[in-house]
């Protein structure tokens, strides 16, 4: 083999040079489902924490965030979530990267979805459109907001102390942010 035929391998940089645009483009090219899942997860976490932490101060002023951003995007997340789980279960390469904590994250996401749907099922549109859902979730509805909130904080704690989704998100945000510091 001659020297001219040897491929030049780019030296690995740590931390890698990344930007938010680069991450979003990479996710878009790799998997639109991954981009939707992760983007919605971040938006739902931020809006949920805003509702919980600022609700006592801002009260009804948070209604657009609660109804539109958290509510409707939560409904979209509820639709996307099963497809994302199926993708993970059938994609060996992705499944091999998962840890036990990632699966615990998925269990907690499922609790968040069920309790979120239980809270939303009291809305008139769901009562009119899917009365069976409203009836099925009526027993859970009174406890659902508390379970939803507690599960969010349990997920944050578990996912931060152990290598879970929140820690993964923080690491990604850190890598994106330090790109600007080095330039």
Protein backbone atom coordinates (compact mmCIF):
# COMPACT_ATOMS: atom_id res chain seq x y z
CA UNK A 1 0.00 0.00 0.00
CA UNK A 2 1.40 3.35 -0.98
CA UNK A 3 1.34 6.43 1.16
CA UNK A 4 -0.95 8.24 -1.28
CA UNK A 5 -3.72 5.66 -0.75
CA UNK A 6 -3.73 5.95 3.06
CA UNK A 7 -6.67 7.96 4.32
CA UNK A 8 -5.87 10.85 6.57
CA UNK A 9 -7.79 10.60 9.82
CA UNK A 10 -8.76 13.88 11.42
CA UNK A 11 -7.44 14.21 14.95
CA UNK A 12 -10.10 13.82 17.62
CA UNK A 13 -10.83 17.01 19.52
CA UNK A 14 -12.18 17.12 23.03
CA UNK A 15 -14.45 18.75 23.66
CA UNK A 16 -15.68 18.50 20.09
CA UNK A 17 -16.58 21.65 18.19
CA UNK A 18 -20.36 21.76 18.22
CA UNK A 19 -23.04 24.37 17.83
CA UNK A 20 -26.76 24.20 18.45
CA UNK A 21 -27.30 24.53 14.71
CA UNK A 22 -24.88 21.68 14.08
CA UNK A 23 -26.61 19.45 16.62
CA UNK A 24 -30.06 20.24 15.18
CA UNK A 25 -28.87 19.70 11.59
CA UNK A 26 -27.23 16.42 12.59
CA UNK A 27 -30.39 15.21 14.32
CA UNK A 28 -32.50 16.33 11.34
CA UNK A 29 -30.28 14.41 8.91
CA UNK A 30 -30.00 11.36 11.14
CA UNK A 31 -33.55 11.08 12.40
CA UNK A 32 -36.43 13.53 12.34
CA UNK A 33 -38.07 11.41 15.03
CA UNK A 34 -35.05 11.89 17.33
CA UNK A 35 -35.13 15.64 16.69
CA UNK A 36 -38.84 15.85 17.51
CA UNK A 37 -38.51 13.67 20.61
CA UNK A 38 -35.54 15.56 22.08
CA UNK A 39 -36.83 19.04 21.16
CA UNK A 40 -40.25 18.36 22.62
CA UNK A 41 -38.69 16.80 25.73
CA UNK A 42 -36.64 19.97 26.33
CA UNK A 43 -39.59 22.30 25.71
CA UNK A 44 -41.90 20.26 27.96
CA UNK A 45 -39.33 20.20 30.76
CA UNK A 46 -38.76 23.96 30.60
CA UNK A 47 -42.46 24.82 30.37
CA UNK A 48 -43.38 22.31 33.09
CA UNK A 49 -40.80 23.73 35.48
CA UNK A 50 -41.93 27.28 34.64
CA UNK A 51 -45.53 26.35 35.40
CA UNK A 52 -44.60 24.65 38.67
CA UNK A 53 -42.01 27.11 39.94
CA UNK A 54 -43.61 30.36 38.73
CA UNK A 55 -47.27 29.37 39.03
CA UNK A 56 -47.57 30.73 42.57
CA UNK A 57 -46.29 34.13 41.45
CA UNK A 58 -47.76 34.47 37.99
CA UNK A 59 -50.91 32.36 38.32
CA UNK A 60 -53.26 32.83 35.37
CA UNK A 61 -50.60 34.66 33.35
CA UNK A 62 -49.08 31.23 32.69
CA UNK A 63 -52.28 29.95 31.02
CA UNK A 64 -50.87 30.26 27.47
CA UNK A 65 -47.76 28.32 28.50
CA UNK A 66 -49.84 25.71 30.32
CA UNK A 67 -52.42 25.26 27.59
CA UNK A 68 -50.57 25.87 24.36
CA UNK A 69 -46.90 25.07 24.89
CA UNK A 70 -47.13 22.43 27.59
CA UNK A 71 -50.58 21.08 26.78
CA UNK A 72 -50.63 20.85 22.99
CA UNK A 73 -46.94 20.04 22.63
CA UNK A 74 -47.46 17.41 25.33
CA UNK A 75 -50.18 15.92 23.12
CA UNK A 76 -47.77 15.84 20.17
CA UNK A 77 -45.12 14.25 22.42
CA UNK A 78 -47.68 11.62 23.48
CA UNK A 79 -48.15 10.68 19.82
CA UNK A 80 -44.42 10.66 18.99
CA UNK A 81 -43.30 8.78 22.12
CA UNK A 82 -44.50 5.27 21.11
CA UNK A 83 -42.84 5.62 17.70
CA UNK A 84 -39.58 6.65 19.39
CA UNK A 85 -39.76 3.64 21.73
CA UNK A 86 -40.39 1.31 18.79
CA UNK A 87 -37.42 2.82 16.95
CA UNK A 88 -35.18 2.16 19.96
CA UNK A 89 -36.42 -1.39 20.38
CA UNK A 90 -35.89 -2.32 16.73
CA UNK A 91 -32.61 -0.46 16.16
CA UNK A 92 -29.83 -2.60 17.56
CA UNK A 93 -27.21 0.16 17.33
CA UNK A 94 -29.34 2.54 19.40
CA UNK A 95 -30.40 -0.18 21.83
CA UNK A 96 -26.74 -1.02 22.49
CA UNK A 97 -26.11 2.55 23.66
CA UNK A 98 -28.94 2.47 26.19
CA UNK A 99 -28.27 2.00 29.89
CA UNK A 100 -30.59 0.85 32.64
CA UNK A 101 -31.08 4.48 33.60
CA UNK A 102 -32.28 5.28 30.07
CA UNK A 103 -34.93 2.60 30.44
CA UNK A 104 -35.88 4.01 33.84
CA UNK A 105 -36.20 7.41 32.11
CA UNK A 106 -38.64 5.83 29.63
CA UNK A 107 -40.69 4.38 32.47
CA UNK A 108 -40.88 7.82 34.10
CA UNK A 109 -41.79 9.43 30.73
CA UNK A 110 -44.64 6.92 30.49
CA UNK A 111 -45.92 7.93 33.93
CA UNK A 112 -45.66 11.60 32.88
CA UNK A 113 -47.64 10.89 29.70
CA UNK A 114 -50.38 8.94 31.47
CA UNK A 115 -50.79 11.57 34.20
CA UNK A 116 -50.61 14.39 31.65
CA UNK A 117 -53.34 12.78 29.58
CA UNK A 118 -55.37 12.25 32.77
CA UNK A 119 -55.13 15.97 33.58
CA UNK A 120 -55.97 16.98 30.00
CA UNK A 121 -58.86 14.51 29.73
CA UNK A 122 -61.02 16.84 31.81
CA UNK A 123 -60.91 19.47 29.04
CA UNK A 124 -64.14 19.86 27.09
CA UNK A 125 -62.61 18.91 23.74
CA UNK A 126 -61.60 15.50 25.11
CA UNK A 127 -64.88 14.99 26.94
CA UNK A 128 -66.75 15.60 23.65
CA UNK A 129 -64.34 13.73 21.37
CA UNK A 130 -63.23 10.77 23.50
CA UNK A 131 -65.72 10.31 26.35
CA UNK A 132 -64.39 6.78 27.03
CA UNK A 133 -60.95 8.25 27.78
CA UNK A 134 -62.43 10.73 30.22
CA UNK A 135 -64.32 7.94 31.96
CA UNK A 136 -61.30 5.62 32.03
CA UNK A 137 -59.07 8.27 33.59
CA UNK A 138 -61.62 9.80 35.97
CA UNK A 139 -60.29 7.88 39.00
CA UNK A 140 -56.74 9.05 38.34
CA UNK A 141 -57.63 12.65 37.53
CA UNK A 142 -57.62 13.97 41.10
CA UNK A 143 -54.15 12.55 41.83
CA UNK A 144 -52.66 13.08 38.37
CA UNK A 145 -51.32 16.65 38.86
CA UNK A 146 -49.43 15.67 42.01
CA UNK A 147 -48.11 12.43 40.46
CA UNK A 148 -47.11 14.37 37.33
CA UNK A 149 -45.17 16.96 39.34
CA UNK A 150 -43.51 14.47 41.70
CA UNK A 151 -42.53 12.23 38.77
CA UNK A 152 -40.93 15.22 37.03
CA UNK A 153 -38.74 15.95 40.05
CA UNK A 154 -37.93 12.25 40.58
CA UNK A 155 -36.89 12.05 36.91
CA UNK A 156 -34.72 15.17 37.31
CA UNK A 157 -33.07 13.74 40.44
CA UNK A 158 -32.50 10.23 39.06
CA UNK A 159 -31.49 11.50 35.65
CA UNK A 160 -29.01 13.99 37.13
CA UNK A 161 -27.39 11.82 39.80
CA UNK A 162 -27.17 8.84 37.47
CA UNK A 163 -26.21 9.02 33.78
CA UNK A 164 -29.71 9.65 32.47
CA UNK A 165 -31.50 11.91 30.02
CA UNK A 166 -31.23 15.17 31.96
CA UNK A 167 -27.49 14.76 32.51
CA UNK A 168 -27.15 13.90 28.81
CA UNK A 169 -29.02 17.12 27.93
CA UNK A 170 -26.88 19.22 30.28
CA UNK A 171 -23.69 17.71 28.80
CA UNK A 172 -24.92 18.48 25.29
CA UNK A 173 -25.80 22.05 26.26
CA UNK A 174 -22.36 22.45 27.88
CA UNK A 175 -20.53 21.22 24.80
CA UNK A 176 -22.54 23.61 22.65
CA UNK A 177 -21.91 26.54 25.00
CA UNK A 178 -18.12 26.11 25.29
CA UNK A 179 -17.79 26.28 21.51
CA UNK A 180 -18.42 30.01 21.78
CA UNK A 181 -15.83 30.42 24.56
CA UNK A 182 -12.98 28.95 22.49
CA UNK A 183 -13.51 31.09 19.40
